Amino acid sequence: MPAQTPPSTPTSYVALGDSFTEGLNDPDPDGGFAGWADRLARLLAETRPRTDSGHYDFRYANLAVRGRLLDQIAAEQVPAAARMEPDLVSFTAGGNDILRPGSDPDEVAERFEAAAVRLRESAGTVLICTGFDTRDTPVLRHLRGKIATYNAHLRAIADRNDLAVADIWALRAVRDRQAWSEDRLHLSSEGHQRVALLAARALGLPTENPDAPWPDAPVHTPAELRRENLHWARGHLLPWVGRRLRGESSGDLVEAKRPELLPLR
């Protein structure tokens, strides 16, 4: 079954998910975070005319909250998005589940599909994203097989349910260190922009090439890379793993940054 064809000029978009869609480590001018979904919303808004108020004829909500697991997104964000009945929903979930010890990608995919089916009943177009290829990431590379299995399920779910897919696994640009922020767990501003361009292309919007070459970066010796990896593991990876083992989430006291469908200026 071919991927669904979205409206040529959607007028409303709701983004669902976790820290990836909330936009962590992509600072915005107001002191919060932007991220790929905000950037995609801007690309879509710019295809619409402006109203008398100076806003684009386009409304956007972002319900994503860092740390959220799939069942939390399905319980909290999916019903809220369904009530809004937008032209477009992006639904990225399950990544935090897959990273948990003992998780089963087959079972996570079943729950993902159930939530996606609910969204298809109320949204004109549903866009999903595959997971990142972690082959070059210390420690997380060992989860590559689980992520690949989950991605295979996501592509099959998209085929069965007529969903649009932004295939991040195949996006070579995000394998580069420049695509990632200091914590290597969240994208840099430039990385978020590459994903936004990929998502726009998945929706049929002409854009710049998301896989364009990066500027030349300094070359590090193997010893420098080892020191950098050790510093990263101590400063970012181990605290992150510890929070998950304790059942803690960085989003426990965080609310959605844009909970209502509002026009963009």
C-alpha atoms as a PDB file:
ATOM      1  CA  MET A   1       0.000   0.000   0.000  1.00  0.00           C
ATOM      2  CA  PRO A   2       1.531   3.397  -0.923  1.00  0.00           C
ATOM      3  CA  ALA A   3       2.097   6.036   1.723  1.00  0.00           C
ATOM      4  CA  GLN A   4      -0.859   8.375   2.127  1.00  0.00           C
ATOM      5  CA  THR A   5      -0.869  11.634   0.223  1.00  0.00           C
ATOM      6  CA  PRO A   6      -1.331  14.554   2.626  1.00  0.00           C
ATOM      7  CA  PRO A   7      -3.277  17.710   1.805  1.00  0.00           C
ATOM      8  CA  SER A   8      -1.142  19.991  -0.351  1.00  0.00           C
ATOM      9  CA  THR A   9      -1.499  22.829   2.152  1.00  0.00           C
ATOM     10  CA  PRO A  10      -2.382  21.545   5.654  1.00  0.00           C
ATOM     11  CA  THR A  11      -3.804  24.197   7.924  1.00  0.00           C
ATOM     12  CA  SER A  12      -3.226  22.488  11.286  1.00  0.00           C
ATOM     13  CA  TYR A  13      -0.523  20.278  12.798  1.00  0.00           C
ATOM     14  CA  VAL A  14      -0.208  18.537  16.182  1.00  0.00           C
ATOM     15  CA  ALA A  15       3.107  16.986  17.277  1.00  0.00           C
ATOM     16  CA  LEU A  16       3.131  14.094  19.776  1.00  0.00           C
ATOM     17  CA  GLY A  17       6.071  12.396  21.462  1.00  0.00           C
ATOM     18  CA  ASP A  18       8.909  12.673  23.962  1.00  0.00           C
ATOM     19  CA  SER A  19      12.092  14.785  24.223  1.00  0.00           C
ATOM     20  CA  PHE A  20      12.905  14.217  20.554  1.00  0.00           C
ATOM     21  CA  THR A  21       9.719  16.011  19.480  1.00  0.00           C
ATOM     22  CA  GLU A  22       9.733  18.479  22.363  1.00  0.00           C
ATOM     23  CA  GLY A  23      13.012  19.629  20.818  1.00  0.00           C
ATOM     24  CA  LEU A  24      15.531  19.238  23.625  1.00  0.00           C
ATOM     25  CA  ASN A  25      18.900  20.939  23.121  1.00  0.00           C
ATOM     26  CA  ASP A  26      17.646  23.105  20.246  1.00  0.00           C
ATOM     27  CA  PRO A  27      17.224  26.443  22.067  1.00  0.00           C
ATOM     28  CA  ASP A  28      14.639  28.924  20.834  1.00  0.00           C
ATOM     29  CA  PRO A  29      14.761  32.733  21.252  1.00  0.00           C
ATOM     30  CA  ASP A  30      12.272  32.625  24.163  1.00  0.00           C
ATOM     31  CA  GLY A  31      14.517  30.482  26.342  1.00  0.00           C
ATOM     32  CA  GLY A  32      12.757  27.184  25.681  1.00  0.00           C
ATOM     33  CA  PHE A  33      13.359  24.564  23.023  1.00  0.00           C
ATOM     34  CA  ALA A  34      12.403  24.526  19.359  1.00  0.00           C
ATOM     35  CA  GLY A  35      13.186  21.176  17.707  1.00  0.00           C
ATOM     36  CA  TRP A  36      12.392  19.447  14.456  1.00  0.00           C
ATOM     37  CA  ALA A  37       8.599  19.603  14.912  1.00  0.00           C
ATOM     38  CA  ASP A  38       8.632  23.369  15.462  1.00  0.00           C
ATOM     39  CA  ARG A  39      10.873  23.710  12.444  1.00  0.00           C
ATOM     40  CA  LEU A  40       8.558  21.513  10.362  1.00  0.00           C
ATOM     41  CA  ALA A  41       5.585  23.597  11.479  1.00  0.00           C
ATOM     42  CA  ARG A  42       7.386  26.704  10.251  1.00  0.00           C
ATOM     43  CA  LEU A  43       8.103  25.121   6.858  1.00  0.00           C
ATOM     44  CA  LEU A  44       4.447  24.138   6.517  1.00  0.00           C
ATOM     45  CA  ALA A  45       3.150  27.508   7.710  1.00  0.00           C
ATOM     46  CA  GLU A  46       5.200  29.302   5.085  1.00  0.00           C
ATOM     47  CA  THR A  47       3.208  27.510   2.371  1.00  0.00           C
ATOM     48  CA  ARG A  48       0.046  29.212   3.667  1.00  0.00           C
ATOM     49  CA  PRO A  49      -1.132  32.811   3.170  1.00  0.00           C
ATOM     50  CA  ARG A  50      -1.125  35.321   6.008  1.00  0.00           C
ATOM     51  CA  THR A  51      -4.359  36.490   7.612  1.00  0.00           C
ATOM     52  CA  ASP A  52      -5.340  40.055   8.483  1.00  0.00           C
ATOM     53  CA  SER A  53      -3.856  39.548  11.963  1.00  0.00           C
ATOM     54  CA  GLY A  54      -0.407  38.949  10.467  1.00  0.00           C
ATOM     55  CA  HIS A  55      -0.407  35.248  11.352  1.00  0.00           C
ATOM     56  CA  TYR A  56      -0.150  32.452   8.842  1.00  0.00           C
ATOM     57  CA  ASP A  57      -3.360  30.603   8.040  1.00  0.00           C
ATOM     58  CA  PHE A  58      -1.902  27.658   9.942  1.00  0.00           C
ATOM     59  CA  ARG A  59      -2.284  26.379  13.510  1.00  0.00           C
ATOM     60  CA  TYR A  60       0.214  24.305  15.474  1.00  0.00           C
ATOM     61  CA  ALA A  61       0.284  22.451  18.801  1.00  0.00           C
ATOM     62  CA  ASN A  62       3.146  20.476  20.350  1.00  0.00           C
ATOM     63  CA  LEU A  63       2.093  18.109  23.141  1.00  0.00           C
ATOM     64  CA  ALA A  64       5.418  16.247  23.427  1.00  0.00           C
ATOM     65  CA  VAL A  65       7.035  15.952  26.871  1.00  0.00           C
ATOM     66  CA  ARG A  66      10.540  14.657  27.602  1.00  0.00           C
ATOM     67  CA  GLY A  67      10.849  11.202  29.115  1.00  0.00           C
ATOM     68  CA  ARG A  68       7.381  10.032  28.141  1.00  0.00           C
ATOM     69  CA  LEU A  69       6.889   6.324  27.448  1.00  0.00           C
ATOM     70  CA  LEU A  70       4.591   5.024  24.731  1.00  0.00           C
ATOM     71  CA  ASP A  71       1.673   4.240  27.044  1.00  0.00           C
ATOM     72  CA  GLN A  72       1.871   7.718  28.581  1.00  0.00           C
ATOM     73  CA  ILE A  73       1.816   9.329  25.143  1.00  0.00           C
ATOM     74  CA  ALA A  74      -1.115   7.128  24.115  1.00  0.00           C
ATOM     75  CA  ALA A  75      -3.050   7.979  27.282  1.00  0.00           C
ATOM     76  CA  GLU A  76      -2.261  11.698  27.533  1.00  0.00           C
ATOM     77  CA  GLN A  77      -1.432  13.047  24.099  1.00  0.00           C
ATOM     78  CA  VAL A  78      -3.307  10.875  21.588  1.00  0.00           C
ATOM     79  CA  PRO A  79      -6.803  11.686  22.944  1.00  0.00           C
ATOM     80  CA  ALA A  80      -5.963  15.395  23.101  1.00  0.00           C
ATOM     81  CA  ALA A  81      -4.780  15.349  19.479  1.00  0.00           C
ATOM     82  CA  ALA A  82      -7.853  13.394  18.389  1.00  0.00           C
ATOM     83  CA  ARG A  83     -10.117  16.081  19.869  1.00  0.00           C
ATOM     84  CA  MET A  84      -8.305  18.729  17.832  1.00  0.00           C
ATOM     85  CA  GLU A  85      -8.930  16.859  14.532  1.00  0.00           C
ATOM     86  CA  PRO A  86      -5.877  18.370  12.780  1.00  0.00           C
ATOM     87  CA  ASP A  87      -4.895  17.977   9.148  1.00  0.00           C
ATOM     88  CA  LEU A  88      -1.557  16.504  10.257  1.00  0.00           C
ATOM     89  CA  VAL A  89      -0.253  14.645  13.325  1.00  0.00           C
ATOM     90  CA  SER A  90       3.325  13.529  13.873  1.00  0.00           C
ATOM     91  CA  PHE A  91       3.506  10.549  16.213  1.00  0.00           C
ATOM     92  CA  THR A  92       6.942   9.532  17.476  1.00  0.00           C
ATOM     93  CA  ALA A  93       6.902   7.185  20.437  1.00  0.00           C
ATOM     94  CA  GLY A  94       8.403   3.977  21.745  1.00  0.00           C
ATOM     95  CA  GLY A  95      12.046   5.007  21.715  1.00  0.00           C
ATOM     96  CA  ASN A  96      12.246   5.333  25.492  1.00  0.00           C
ATOM     97  CA  ASP A  97      10.522   1.959  25.825  1.00  0.00           C
ATOM     98  CA  ILE A  98      12.980   0.258  23.462  1.00  0.00           C
ATOM     99  CA  LEU A  99      15.950   1.593  25.436  1.00  0.00           C
ATOM    100  CA  ARG A 100      14.696   0.002  28.660  1.00  0.00           C
ATOM    101  CA  PRO A 101      16.346  -3.280  29.692  1.00  0.00           C
ATOM    102  CA  GLY A 102      14.215  -6.298  28.839  1.00  0.00           C
ATOM    103  CA  SER A 103      11.851  -4.457  26.522  1.00  0.00           C
ATOM    104  CA  ASP A 104      10.358  -6.381  23.588  1.00  0.00           C
ATOM    105  CA  PRO A 105      10.216  -4.413  20.306  1.00  0.00           C
ATOM    106  CA  ASP A 106       7.496  -6.711  18.970  1.00  0.00           C
ATOM    107  CA  GLU A 107       5.234  -5.926  21.915  1.00  0.00           C
ATOM    108  CA  VAL A 108       6.034  -2.202  21.854  1.00  0.00           C
ATOM    109  CA  ALA A 109       5.127  -2.123  18.163  1.00  0.00           C
ATOM    110  CA  GLU A 110       1.715  -3.663  18.856  1.00  0.00           C
ATOM    111  CA  ARG A 111       0.915  -0.876  21.304  1.00  0.00           C
ATOM    112  CA  PHE A 112       2.251   1.728  18.887  1.00  0.00           C
ATOM    113  CA  GLU A 113      -0.042   0.489  16.118  1.00  0.00           C
ATOM    114  CA  ALA A 114      -3.091   0.595  18.368  1.00  0.00           C
ATOM    115  CA  ALA A 115      -2.403   4.269  19.123  1.00  0.00           C
ATOM    116  CA  ALA A 116      -1.678   5.055  15.460  1.00  0.00           C
ATOM    117  CA  VAL A 117      -5.018   3.534  14.423  1.00  0.00           C
ATOM    118  CA  ARG A 118      -6.790   5.843  16.883  1.00  0.00           C
ATOM    119  CA  LEU A 119      -5.029   8.838  15.381  1.00  0.00           C
ATOM    120  CA  ARG A 120      -5.914   7.838  11.824  1.00  0.00           C
ATOM    121  CA  GLU A 121      -9.595   8.103  12.743  1.00  0.00           C
ATOM    122  CA  SER A 122      -9.323  11.823  13.514  1.00  0.00           C
ATOM    123  CA  ALA A 123      -6.297  13.194  11.638  1.00  0.00           C
ATOM    124  CA  GLY A 124      -6.001  13.818   7.928  1.00  0.00           C
ATOM    125  CA  THR A 125      -2.393  12.593   7.795  1.00  0.00           C
ATOM    126  CA  VAL A 126      -0.280  10.748  10.373  1.00  0.00           C
ATOM    127  CA  LEU A 127       3.495  11.030  10.088  1.00  0.00           C
ATOM    128  CA  ILE A 128       5.793   8.643  11.972  1.00  0.00           C
ATOM    129  CA  CYS A 129       9.593   8.473  12.246  1.00  0.00           C
ATOM    130  CA  THR A 130      11.887   5.481  12.381  1.00  0.00           C
ATOM    131  CA  GLY A 131      14.529   5.330  15.112  1.00  0.00           C
ATOM    132  CA  PHE A 132      18.147   6.405  14.826  1.00  0.00           C
ATOM    133  CA  ASP A 133      20.952   4.054  13.806  1.00  0.00           C
ATOM    134  CA  THR A 134      23.135   3.814  16.935  1.00  0.00           C
ATOM    135  CA  ARG A 135      26.002   1.875  15.377  1.00  0.00           C
ATOM    136  CA  ASP A 136      28.501   4.683  16.051  1.00  0.00           C
ATOM    137  CA  THR A 137      27.308   5.494  19.582  1.00  0.00           C
ATOM    138  CA  PRO A 138      29.213   3.909  22.472  1.00  0.00           C
ATOM    139  CA  VAL A 139      27.075   1.564  24.610  1.00  0.00           C
ATOM    140  CA  LEU A 140      23.884   2.351  22.676  1.00  0.00           C
ATOM    141  CA  ARG A 141      25.321   0.512  19.671  1.00  0.00           C
ATOM    142  CA  HIS A 142      24.468  -2.695  21.505  1.00  0.00           C
ATOM    143  CA  LEU A 143      20.779  -1.829  21.163  1.00  0.00           C
ATOM    144  CA  ARG A 144      21.015  -1.495  17.392  1.00  0.00           C
ATOM    145  CA  GLY A 145      19.317  -4.844  16.756  1.00  0.00           C
ATOM    146  CA  LYS A 146      16.316  -3.948  18.905  1.00  0.00           C
ATOM    147  CA  ILE A 147      15.983  -0.570  17.210  1.00  0.00           C
ATOM    148  CA  ALA A 148      16.212  -2.161  13.750  1.00  0.00           C
ATOM    149  CA  THR A 149      13.500  -4.661  14.681  1.00  0.00           C
ATOM    150  CA  TYR A 150      11.250  -1.882  15.932  1.00  0.00           C
ATOM    151  CA  ASN A 151      11.882   0.111  12.757  1.00  0.00           C
ATOM    152  CA  ALA A 152      10.847  -2.864  10.610  1.00  0.00           C
ATOM    153  CA  HIS A 153       7.592  -2.982  12.552  1.00  0.00           C
ATOM    154  CA  LEU A 154       7.072   0.763  12.104  1.00  0.00           C
ATOM    155  CA  ARG A 155       7.445   0.502   8.332  1.00  0.00           C
ATOM    156  CA  ALA A 156       4.962  -2.377   8.241  1.00  0.00           C
ATOM    157  CA  ILE A 157       2.543  -0.408  10.442  1.00  0.00           C
ATOM    158  CA  ALA A 158       2.836   2.524   8.040  1.00  0.00           C
ATOM    159  CA  ASP A 159       2.031   0.257   5.078  1.00  0.00           C
ATOM    160  CA  ARG A 160      -0.974  -1.305   6.798  1.00  0.00           C
ATOM    161  CA  ASN A 161      -2.424   1.973   8.009  1.00  0.00           C
ATOM    162  CA  ASP A 162      -1.479   4.386   5.230  1.00  0.00           C
ATOM    163  CA  LEU A 163       0.947   6.504   7.277  1.00  0.00           C
ATOM    164  CA  ALA A 164       3.700   8.828   6.065  1.00  0.00           C
ATOM    165  CA  VAL A 165       7.228   7.881   7.187  1.00  0.00           C
ATOM    166  CA  ALA A 166      10.317   9.981   7.834  1.00  0.00           C
ATOM    167  CA  ASP A 167      13.060   7.335   7.683  1.00  0.00           C
ATOM    168  CA  ILE A 168      15.619   8.679  10.139  1.00  0.00           C
ATOM    169  CA  TRP A 169      17.475   5.338  10.191  1.00  0.00           C
ATOM    170  CA  ALA A 170      18.446   5.973   6.555  1.00  0.00           C
ATOM    171  CA  LEU A 171      19.384   9.635   7.132  1.00  0.00           C
ATOM    172  CA  ARG A 172      23.186   9.547   6.941  1.00  0.00           C
ATOM    173  CA  ALA A 173      23.513  13.146   8.143  1.00  0.00           C
ATOM    174  CA  VAL A 174      22.506  12.243  11.703  1.00  0.00           C
ATOM    175  CA  ARG A 175      25.333   9.735  11.980  1.00  0.00           C
ATOM    176  CA  ASP A 176      27.722  12.690  12.063  1.00  0.00           C
ATOM    177  CA  ARG A 177      28.841  14.075  15.423  1.00  0.00           C
ATOM    178  CA  GLN A 178      27.756  17.556  14.305  1.00  0.00           C
ATOM    179  CA  ALA A 179      24.118  16.401  14.343  1.00  0.00           C
ATOM    180  CA  TRP A 180      24.245  15.825  18.098  1.00  0.00           C
ATOM    181  CA  SER A 181      24.410  18.051  21.131  1.00  0.00           C
ATOM    182  CA  GLU A 182      26.952  17.629  23.899  1.00  0.00           C
ATOM    183  CA  ASP A 183      24.943  14.886  25.644  1.00  0.00           C
ATOM    184  CA  ARG A 184      24.796  12.773  22.420  1.00  0.00           C
ATOM    185  CA  LEU A 185      21.301  11.728  23.481  1.00  0.00           C
ATOM    186  CA  HIS A 186      19.537  14.662  21.831  1.00  0.00           C
ATOM    187  CA  LEU A 187      20.099  16.373  18.515  1.00  0.00           C
ATOM    188  CA  SER A 188      21.872  19.683  18.036  1.00  0.00           C
ATOM    189  CA  SER A 189      20.026  22.567  16.409  1.00  0.00           C
ATOM    190  CA  GLU A 190      21.528  21.551  13.073  1.00  0.00           C
ATOM    191  CA  GLY A 191      20.473  17.938  13.645  1.00  0.00           C
ATOM    192  CA  HIS A 192      16.890  18.991  14.356  1.00  0.00           C
ATOM    193  CA  GLN A 193      16.899  21.013  11.143  1.00  0.00           C
ATOM    194  CA  ARG A 194      17.992  17.960   9.128  1.00  0.00           C
ATOM    195  CA  VAL A 195      15.132  15.905  10.589  1.00  0.00           C
ATOM    196  CA  ALA A 196      12.654  18.711   9.866  1.00  0.00           C
ATOM    197  CA  LEU A 197      13.749  18.743   6.225  1.00  0.00           C
ATOM    198  CA  LEU A 198      13.418  14.950   6.061  1.00  0.00           C
ATOM    199  CA  ALA A 199       9.912  15.090   7.547  1.00  0.00           C
ATOM    200  CA  ALA A 200       8.884  17.829   5.134  1.00  0.00           C
ATOM    201  CA  ARG A 201      10.052  15.701   2.209  1.00  0.00           C
ATOM    202  CA  ALA A 202       8.078  12.734   3.564  1.00  0.00           C
ATOM    203  CA  LEU A 203       5.017  14.981   3.320  1.00  0.00           C
ATOM    204  CA  GLY A 204       5.777  15.942  -0.261  1.00  0.00           C
ATOM    205  CA  LEU A 205       7.129  19.421   0.478  1.00  0.00           C
ATOM    206  CA  PRO A 206      10.104  20.532  -1.667  1.00  0.00           C
ATOM    207  CA  THR A 207      13.051  21.323   0.616  1.00  0.00           C
ATOM    208  CA  GLU A 208      16.795  21.521   0.804  1.00  0.00           C
ATOM    209  CA  ASN A 209      18.609  18.190   0.911  1.00  0.00           C
ATOM    210  CA  PRO A 210      18.548  16.855   4.514  1.00  0.00           C
ATOM    211  CA  ASP A 211      21.574  14.696   3.696  1.00  0.00           C
ATOM    212  CA  ALA A 212      23.756  17.514   2.380  1.00  0.00           C
ATOM    213  CA  PRO A 213      27.417  17.214   3.461  1.00  0.00           C
ATOM    214  CA  TRP A 214      28.419  18.767   6.761  1.00  0.00           C
ATOM    215  CA  PRO A 215      31.165  21.398   6.988  1.00  0.00           C
ATOM    216  CA  ASP A 216      34.596  19.976   7.697  1.00  0.00           C
ATOM    217  CA  ALA A 217      35.124  19.228  11.383  1.00  0.00           C
ATOM    218  CA  PRO A 218      38.375  18.934  13.358  1.00  0.00           C
ATOM    219  CA  VAL A 219      39.999  15.493  13.152  1.00  0.00           C
ATOM    220  CA  HIS A 220      40.621  13.809  16.510  1.00  0.00           C
ATOM    221  CA  THR A 221      43.196  11.173  17.318  1.00  0.00           C
ATOM    222  CA  PRO A 222      42.027   7.792  18.683  1.00  0.00           C
ATOM    223  CA  ALA A 223      43.315   8.790  22.123  1.00  0.00           C
ATOM    224  CA  GLU A 224      41.321  12.037  22.039  1.00  0.00           C
ATOM    225  CA  LEU A 225      38.193  10.129  21.006  1.00  0.00           C
ATOM    226  CA  ARG A 226      38.620   7.669  23.874  1.00  0.00           C
ATOM    227  CA  ARG A 227      38.958  10.518  26.378  1.00  0.00           C
ATOM    228  CA  GLU A 228      35.925  12.257  24.908  1.00  0.00           C
ATOM    229  CA  ASN A 229      33.861   9.061  25.073  1.00  0.00           C
ATOM    230  CA  LEU A 230      34.849   8.474  28.686  1.00  0.00           C
ATOM    231  CA  HIS A 231      33.959  12.035  29.636  1.00  0.00           C
ATOM    232  CA  TRP A 232      30.584  11.688  27.881  1.00  0.00           C
ATOM    233  CA  ALA A 233      29.808   8.371  29.559  1.00  0.00           C
ATOM    234  CA  ARG A 234      30.551   9.752  33.022  1.00  0.00           C
ATOM    235  CA  GLY A 235      28.835  13.084  32.536  1.00  0.00           C
ATOM    236  CA  HIS A 236      25.774  12.129  30.497  1.00  0.00           C
ATOM    237  CA  LEU A 237      25.238   8.434  29.798  1.00  0.00           C
ATOM    238  CA  LEU A 238      25.595   6.986  33.309  1.00  0.00           C
ATOM    239  CA  PRO A 239      23.326   9.602  34.959  1.00  0.00           C
ATOM    240  CA  TRP A 240      20.752   9.014  32.201  1.00  0.00           C
ATOM    241  CA  VAL A 241      20.863   5.235  32.685  1.00  0.00           C
ATOM    242  CA  GLY A 242      20.644   5.657  36.446  1.00  0.00           C
ATOM    243  CA  ARG A 243      17.458   7.728  36.211  1.00  0.00           C
ATOM    244  CA  ARG A 244      15.830   5.078  34.075  1.00  0.00           C
ATOM    245  CA  LEU A 245      16.812   2.251  36.408  1.00  0.00           C
ATOM    246  CA  ARG A 246      15.286   4.218  39.293  1.00  0.00           C
ATOM    247  CA  GLY A 247      12.106   4.810  37.299  1.00  0.00           C
ATOM    248  CA  GLU A 248      12.682   8.575  37.240  1.00  0.00           C
ATOM    249  CA  SER A 249      11.953  10.866  34.312  1.00  0.00           C
ATOM    250  CA  SER A 250      13.245  14.326  33.453  1.00  0.00           C
ATOM    251  CA  GLY A 251       9.697  15.159  32.377  1.00  0.00           C
ATOM    252  CA  ASP A 252       7.932  14.404  35.665  1.00  0.00           C
ATOM    253  CA  LEU A 253       7.298  18.103  36.347  1.00  0.00           C
ATOM    254  CA  VAL A 254       7.203  19.261  32.722  1.00  0.00           C
ATOM    255  CA  GLU A 255       4.077  20.234  30.794  1.00  0.00           C
ATOM    256  CA  ALA A 256       3.568  20.453  27.048  1.00  0.00           C
ATOM    257  CA  LYS A 257       5.110  23.625  25.666  1.00  0.00           C
ATOM    258  CA  ARG A 258       2.315  24.348  23.167  1.00  0.00           C
ATOM    259  CA  PRO A 259      -0.847  22.528  24.326  1.00  0.00           C
ATOM    260  CA  GLU A 260      -3.342  24.325  22.088  1.00  0.00           C
ATOM    261  CA  LEU A 261      -3.682  24.704  18.338  1.00  0.00           C
ATOM    262  CA  LEU A 262      -2.575  28.308  17.848  1.00  0.00           C
ATOM    263  CA  PRO A 263      -1.628  30.295  14.739  1.00  0.00           C
ATOM    264  CA  LEU A 264       2.001  30.909  13.847  1.00  0.00           C
ATOM    265  CA  ARG A 265       3.249  34.397  13.081  1.00  0.00           C
END
